[in-house]
Amino acid sequence: MPDHRSADPLATLWQLAYNDDRISCAVYRDGEKLEMRLETRSETILIEPFEIRPRVLSRVEALRRSLKRRGWADSSD
């Protein structure tokens, strides 16, 4: 997967930590569209089109809750 980390995110929706690992969910602009990226410090795990709609925001929050059930914790790093 190509590295898309060159641009700064428009918004970071959340960041989680587990031991020394970090994962973040951020929104980026890709031309005229927005995209959501799930990223670690070194790579992009997932890229999806993003729209600011309740259904999409609920899905992003469900992913966060799922990771937290597996031991990840909120992080501001």
Protein backbone atom coordinates (compact mmCIF):
# COMPACT_ATOMS: atom_id res chain seq x y z
CA MET A 1 0.00 0.00 0.00
CA PRO A 2 1.45 3.40 -0.87
CA ASP A 3 2.41 5.73 1.95
CA HIS A 4 -0.19 8.53 2.16
CA ARG A 5 1.24 10.14 5.31
CA SER A 6 2.77 13.20 3.63
CA ALA A 7 -0.22 15.51 4.15
CA ASP A 8 -1.36 16.74 7.54
CA PRO A 9 -4.78 15.52 8.69
CA LEU A 10 -7.73 17.90 8.70
CA ALA A 11 -8.86 16.31 11.98
CA THR A 12 -7.83 13.48 14.25
CA LEU A 13 -10.96 11.69 15.44
CA TRP A 14 -9.21 9.58 18.08
CA GLN A 15 -5.88 8.10 19.15
CA LEU A 16 -5.37 4.89 21.08
CA ALA A 17 -2.35 3.28 22.73
CA TYR A 18 -1.47 -0.28 23.71
CA ASN A 19 1.93 -0.70 25.37
CA ASP A 20 4.30 1.16 23.01
CA ASP A 21 1.98 0.91 20.00
CA ARG A 22 -0.17 3.81 18.81
CA ILE A 23 -3.06 3.92 16.37
CA SER A 24 -5.01 6.93 15.18
CA CYS A 25 -8.10 7.61 13.12
CA ALA A 26 -7.80 10.80 11.10
CA VAL A 27 -9.56 12.61 8.26
CA TYR A 28 -7.58 13.85 5.26
CA ARG A 29 -8.45 15.73 2.09
CA ASP A 30 -7.81 13.85 -1.14
CA GLY A 31 -8.50 16.35 -3.90
CA GLU A 32 -12.22 17.16 -3.70
CA LYS A 33 -12.99 14.23 -1.38
CA LEU A 34 -12.36 13.41 2.26
CA GLU A 35 -10.90 10.14 3.39
CA MET A 36 -10.57 8.43 6.75
CA ARG A 37 -7.25 6.77 7.52
CA LEU A 38 -6.42 4.33 10.27
CA GLU A 39 -2.69 4.76 10.93
CA THR A 40 0.13 3.60 13.13
CA ARG A 41 3.30 5.61 13.60
CA SER A 42 4.90 3.88 10.62
CA GLU A 43 2.12 2.85 8.23
CA THR A 44 -1.40 3.39 6.99
CA ILE A 45 -3.61 0.39 7.77
CA LEU A 46 -6.88 1.45 6.16
CA ILE A 47 -8.09 4.20 3.83
CA GLU A 48 -11.79 4.75 3.18
CA PRO A 49 -13.89 7.55 1.68
CA PHE A 50 -15.27 9.73 4.48
CA GLU A 51 -18.45 11.76 4.74
CA ILE A 52 -19.54 13.67 7.82
CA ARG A 53 -22.75 11.74 8.33
CA PRO A 54 -24.16 10.07 11.45
CA ARG A 55 -23.82 6.56 9.97
CA VAL A 56 -20.14 7.03 9.15
CA LEU A 57 -19.33 8.67 12.48
CA SER A 58 -21.10 5.83 14.30
CA ARG A 59 -19.00 3.28 12.42
CA VAL A 60 -15.77 5.10 13.34
CA GLU A 61 -16.84 5.20 16.99
CA ALA A 62 -17.76 1.49 16.91
CA LEU A 63 -14.23 0.72 15.68
CA ARG A 64 -12.78 2.74 18.57
CA ARG A 65 -14.95 0.92 21.12
CA SER A 66 -13.97 -2.44 19.62
CA LEU A 67 -10.27 -1.67 19.98
CA LYS A 68 -10.79 -0.45 23.55
CA ARG A 69 -12.48 -3.77 24.44
CA ARG A 70 -9.28 -5.46 23.24
CA GLY A 71 -7.11 -3.48 25.64
CA TRP A 72 -6.34 -0.28 23.75
CA ALA A 73 -6.70 2.97 25.77
CA ASP A 74 -7.26 6.61 24.83
CA SER A 75 -4.05 8.51 24.13
CA SER A 76 -3.26 12.14 23.36
CA ASP A 77 0.22 11.27 22.00
